[in-house]
N, C-alpha and C. Protein backbone atom coordinates (compact mmCIF):
# COMPACT_ATOMS: atom_id res chain seq x y z
N UNK A 1 24.71 7.41 -41.73
CA UNK A 1 24.93 6.83 -40.43
C UNK A 1 24.85 7.95 -39.38
N UNK A 2 24.05 7.74 -38.32
CA UNK A 2 23.89 8.77 -37.29
C UNK A 2 25.20 9.03 -36.55
N UNK A 3 25.43 10.29 -36.21
CA UNK A 3 26.61 10.67 -35.44
C UNK A 3 26.17 11.48 -34.24
N UNK A 4 27.02 11.53 -33.23
CA UNK A 4 26.75 12.30 -32.03
C UNK A 4 28.07 12.87 -31.53
N UNK A 5 28.00 13.78 -30.57
CA UNK A 5 29.18 14.44 -30.03
C UNK A 5 29.26 14.17 -28.53
N UNK A 6 30.47 13.99 -28.04
CA UNK A 6 30.67 13.80 -26.61
C UNK A 6 30.79 15.18 -25.97
N UNK A 7 30.03 15.43 -24.89
CA UNK A 7 30.09 16.71 -24.20
C UNK A 7 31.31 16.76 -23.29
N UNK A 8 31.57 17.92 -22.70
CA UNK A 8 32.71 18.07 -21.79
C UNK A 8 32.54 17.20 -20.54
N UNK A 9 31.31 16.80 -20.25
CA UNK A 9 31.03 15.92 -19.11
C UNK A 9 31.08 14.44 -19.51
N UNK A 10 31.42 14.16 -20.76
CA UNK A 10 31.49 12.78 -21.22
C UNK A 10 30.14 12.18 -21.58
N UNK A 11 29.13 13.04 -21.74
CA UNK A 11 27.79 12.56 -22.07
C UNK A 11 27.58 12.51 -23.57
N UNK A 12 26.72 11.58 -23.98
CA UNK A 12 26.42 11.41 -25.39
C UNK A 12 24.90 11.32 -25.54
N UNK A 13 24.35 12.00 -26.53
CA UNK A 13 22.94 11.86 -26.86
C UNK A 13 22.82 10.78 -27.93
N UNK A 14 21.98 9.80 -27.65
CA UNK A 14 21.76 8.74 -28.64
C UNK A 14 20.76 9.27 -29.66
N UNK A 15 21.15 9.31 -30.93
CA UNK A 15 20.25 9.85 -31.94
C UNK A 15 18.91 9.12 -31.99
N UNK A 16 17.87 9.86 -32.33
CA UNK A 16 16.51 9.33 -32.35
C UNK A 16 16.41 8.07 -33.22
N UNK A 17 17.06 8.08 -34.35
CA UNK A 17 17.03 6.93 -35.26
C UNK A 17 17.56 5.66 -34.57
N UNK A 18 18.60 5.82 -33.77
CA UNK A 18 19.18 4.68 -33.04
C UNK A 18 18.26 4.25 -31.91
N UNK A 19 17.73 5.24 -31.15
CA UNK A 19 16.81 4.91 -30.05
C UNK A 19 15.61 4.15 -30.58
N UNK A 20 15.10 4.59 -31.72
CA UNK A 20 13.93 3.93 -32.31
C UNK A 20 14.27 2.50 -32.74
N UNK A 21 15.42 2.33 -33.38
CA UNK A 21 15.83 0.99 -33.84
C UNK A 21 16.03 0.03 -32.68
N UNK A 22 16.55 0.55 -31.55
CA UNK A 22 16.81 -0.29 -30.37
C UNK A 22 15.61 -0.35 -29.42
N UNK A 23 14.54 0.38 -29.79
CA UNK A 23 13.32 0.45 -28.95
C UNK A 23 13.66 0.96 -27.54
N UNK A 24 14.49 1.99 -27.48
CA UNK A 24 14.88 2.59 -26.20
C UNK A 24 13.91 3.69 -25.84
N UNK A 25 13.57 3.75 -24.57
CA UNK A 25 12.69 4.80 -24.04
C UNK A 25 13.39 5.49 -22.88
N UNK A 26 12.87 6.62 -22.48
CA UNK A 26 13.42 7.36 -21.35
C UNK A 26 13.50 6.45 -20.13
N UNK A 27 14.65 6.45 -19.49
CA UNK A 27 14.85 5.65 -18.29
C UNK A 27 15.42 4.26 -18.55
N UNK A 28 15.42 3.83 -19.80
CA UNK A 28 15.99 2.52 -20.13
C UNK A 28 17.49 2.53 -19.86
N UNK A 29 18.03 1.37 -19.58
CA UNK A 29 19.46 1.21 -19.36
C UNK A 29 20.09 0.56 -20.59
N UNK A 30 21.32 0.94 -20.84
CA UNK A 30 22.08 0.32 -21.93
C UNK A 30 23.43 -0.10 -21.38
N UNK A 31 24.07 -1.02 -22.08
CA UNK A 31 25.45 -1.34 -21.75
C UNK A 31 26.29 -1.09 -22.98
N UNK A 32 27.52 -0.67 -22.74
CA UNK A 32 28.45 -0.41 -23.83
C UNK A 32 29.57 -1.42 -23.71
N UNK A 33 29.77 -2.18 -24.77
CA UNK A 33 30.79 -3.22 -24.80
C UNK A 33 31.89 -2.74 -25.75
N UNK A 34 33.13 -2.74 -25.27
CA UNK A 34 34.26 -2.36 -26.11
C UNK A 34 34.91 -3.64 -26.61
N UNK A 35 35.01 -3.77 -27.92
CA UNK A 35 35.59 -4.97 -28.53
C UNK A 35 37.12 -4.87 -28.57
N UNK A 36 37.75 -5.97 -28.93
CA UNK A 36 39.21 -5.99 -29.07
C UNK A 36 39.68 -5.05 -30.18
N UNK A 37 38.78 -4.71 -31.11
CA UNK A 37 39.10 -3.80 -32.21
C UNK A 37 38.83 -2.34 -31.86
N UNK A 38 38.64 -2.05 -30.56
CA UNK A 38 38.32 -0.71 -30.08
C UNK A 38 37.05 -0.15 -30.70
N UNK A 39 36.08 -1.01 -30.89
CA UNK A 39 34.74 -0.60 -31.34
C UNK A 39 33.79 -0.74 -30.16
N UNK A 40 32.80 0.13 -30.11
CA UNK A 40 31.81 0.08 -29.04
C UNK A 40 30.50 -0.49 -29.57
N UNK A 41 29.94 -1.40 -28.81
CA UNK A 41 28.63 -1.97 -29.12
C UNK A 41 27.68 -1.48 -28.04
N UNK A 42 26.58 -0.85 -28.46
CA UNK A 42 25.56 -0.40 -27.52
C UNK A 42 24.44 -1.43 -27.52
N UNK A 43 24.13 -1.93 -26.34
CA UNK A 43 23.11 -2.97 -26.24
C UNK A 43 22.11 -2.61 -25.14
N UNK A 44 20.81 -2.63 -25.44
CA UNK A 44 19.82 -2.34 -24.41
C UNK A 44 19.81 -3.44 -23.35
N UNK A 45 19.60 -3.05 -22.12
CA UNK A 45 19.46 -4.01 -21.03
C UNK A 45 17.97 -4.14 -20.77
N UNK A 46 17.43 -5.28 -21.08
CA UNK A 46 16.01 -5.53 -20.87
C UNK A 46 15.85 -6.41 -19.66
N UNK A 47 15.09 -5.94 -18.70
CA UNK A 47 14.82 -6.71 -17.49
C UNK A 47 13.64 -7.64 -17.74
N UNK A 48 13.86 -8.89 -17.45
CA UNK A 48 12.77 -9.85 -17.54
C UNK A 48 12.12 -9.97 -16.17
N UNK A 49 10.89 -10.37 -16.15
CA UNK A 49 10.17 -10.54 -14.89
C UNK A 49 10.92 -11.49 -13.98
N UNK A 50 11.48 -12.56 -14.53
CA UNK A 50 12.22 -13.53 -13.72
C UNK A 50 13.43 -12.89 -13.04
N UNK A 51 14.11 -11.98 -13.73
CA UNK A 51 15.27 -11.33 -13.15
C UNK A 51 14.88 -10.49 -11.94
N UNK A 52 13.78 -9.76 -12.06
CA UNK A 52 13.31 -8.93 -10.96
C UNK A 52 12.85 -9.80 -9.80
N UNK A 53 12.12 -10.87 -10.10
CA UNK A 53 11.61 -11.77 -9.06
C UNK A 53 12.77 -12.34 -8.25
N UNK A 54 13.84 -12.75 -8.92
CA UNK A 54 14.98 -13.34 -8.23
C UNK A 54 15.60 -12.35 -7.25
N UNK A 55 15.56 -11.07 -7.58
CA UNK A 55 16.12 -10.06 -6.68
C UNK A 55 15.21 -9.81 -5.49
N UNK A 56 13.91 -9.90 -5.70
CA UNK A 56 12.97 -9.60 -4.63
C UNK A 56 12.69 -10.79 -3.74
N UNK A 57 12.71 -11.98 -4.30
CA UNK A 57 12.35 -13.18 -3.55
C UNK A 57 13.52 -13.67 -2.71
N UNK A 58 13.26 -13.92 -1.44
CA UNK A 58 14.27 -14.46 -0.55
C UNK A 58 13.82 -15.87 -0.16
N UNK A 59 14.62 -16.85 -0.55
CA UNK A 59 14.28 -18.23 -0.23
C UNK A 59 14.27 -18.44 1.28
N UNK A 60 13.30 -19.20 1.74
CA UNK A 60 13.20 -19.48 3.17
C UNK A 60 12.31 -18.49 3.91
N UNK A 61 11.98 -17.38 3.30
CA UNK A 61 11.07 -16.41 3.95
C UNK A 61 9.64 -16.75 3.56
N UNK A 62 8.77 -16.65 4.53
CA UNK A 62 7.37 -16.93 4.22
C UNK A 62 6.74 -15.72 3.54
N UNK A 63 5.75 -15.98 2.72
CA UNK A 63 5.06 -14.88 2.06
C UNK A 63 4.13 -14.19 3.05
N UNK A 64 3.88 -12.93 2.82
CA UNK A 64 3.01 -12.14 3.69
C UNK A 64 1.89 -11.58 2.84
N UNK A 65 0.67 -11.68 3.36
CA UNK A 65 -0.48 -11.17 2.61
C UNK A 65 -0.55 -9.65 2.73
N UNK A 66 -1.31 -9.05 1.86
CA UNK A 66 -1.52 -7.61 1.90
C UNK A 66 -2.19 -7.22 3.21
N UNK A 67 -3.11 -8.04 3.65
CA UNK A 67 -3.80 -7.77 4.93
C UNK A 67 -2.81 -7.73 6.09
N UNK A 68 -1.87 -8.69 6.11
CA UNK A 68 -0.86 -8.72 7.17
C UNK A 68 0.03 -7.47 7.11
N UNK A 69 0.40 -7.08 5.91
CA UNK A 69 1.21 -5.87 5.75
C UNK A 69 0.45 -4.66 6.27
N UNK A 70 -0.82 -4.56 5.91
CA UNK A 70 -1.64 -3.42 6.36
C UNK A 70 -1.76 -3.38 7.87
N UNK A 71 -1.90 -4.55 8.51
CA UNK A 71 -1.99 -4.60 9.97
C UNK A 71 -0.72 -4.07 10.62
N UNK A 72 0.42 -4.49 10.11
CA UNK A 72 1.70 -4.04 10.66
C UNK A 72 1.85 -2.53 10.48
N UNK A 73 1.50 -2.04 9.32
CA UNK A 73 1.58 -0.60 9.06
C UNK A 73 0.64 0.16 9.98
N UNK A 74 -0.58 -0.34 10.14
CA UNK A 74 -1.57 0.31 11.00
C UNK A 74 -1.06 0.38 12.44
N UNK A 75 -0.49 -0.72 12.95
CA UNK A 75 0.04 -0.74 14.32
C UNK A 75 1.18 0.26 14.47
N UNK A 76 2.07 0.30 13.49
CA UNK A 76 3.20 1.23 13.54
C UNK A 76 2.71 2.68 13.54
N UNK A 77 1.71 2.96 12.71
CA UNK A 77 1.16 4.32 12.65
C UNK A 77 0.50 4.69 13.96
N UNK A 78 -0.21 3.75 14.57
CA UNK A 78 -0.86 4.02 15.86
C UNK A 78 0.17 4.35 16.93
N UNK A 79 1.29 3.60 16.95
CA UNK A 79 2.35 3.87 17.92
C UNK A 79 2.99 5.23 17.67
N UNK A 80 3.19 5.56 16.41
CA UNK A 80 3.87 6.79 16.03
C UNK A 80 3.05 8.02 16.40
N UNK A 81 1.75 7.95 16.23
CA UNK A 81 0.91 9.13 16.42
C UNK A 81 0.13 9.13 17.74
N UNK A 82 0.56 8.34 18.71
CA UNK A 82 -0.09 8.36 20.03
C UNK A 82 0.57 9.36 20.93
């Protein structure tokens, strides 16, 4: 069974065997759940496309095309550098 050590800063390195089993990559997020038996469960947090969309999408706002965005940026740049 893989073991690890807690550093003085409270950091832990997840052993390669565990990262591989959980399909964890650099930058991935995990959550640690402490059970009533004082055991810790490490669970990867996987973002689904729907979760991200819900955060980005604001109901009631109209969509804007790339062309419209570029026009606004172009106008702002023209004002800034005049």
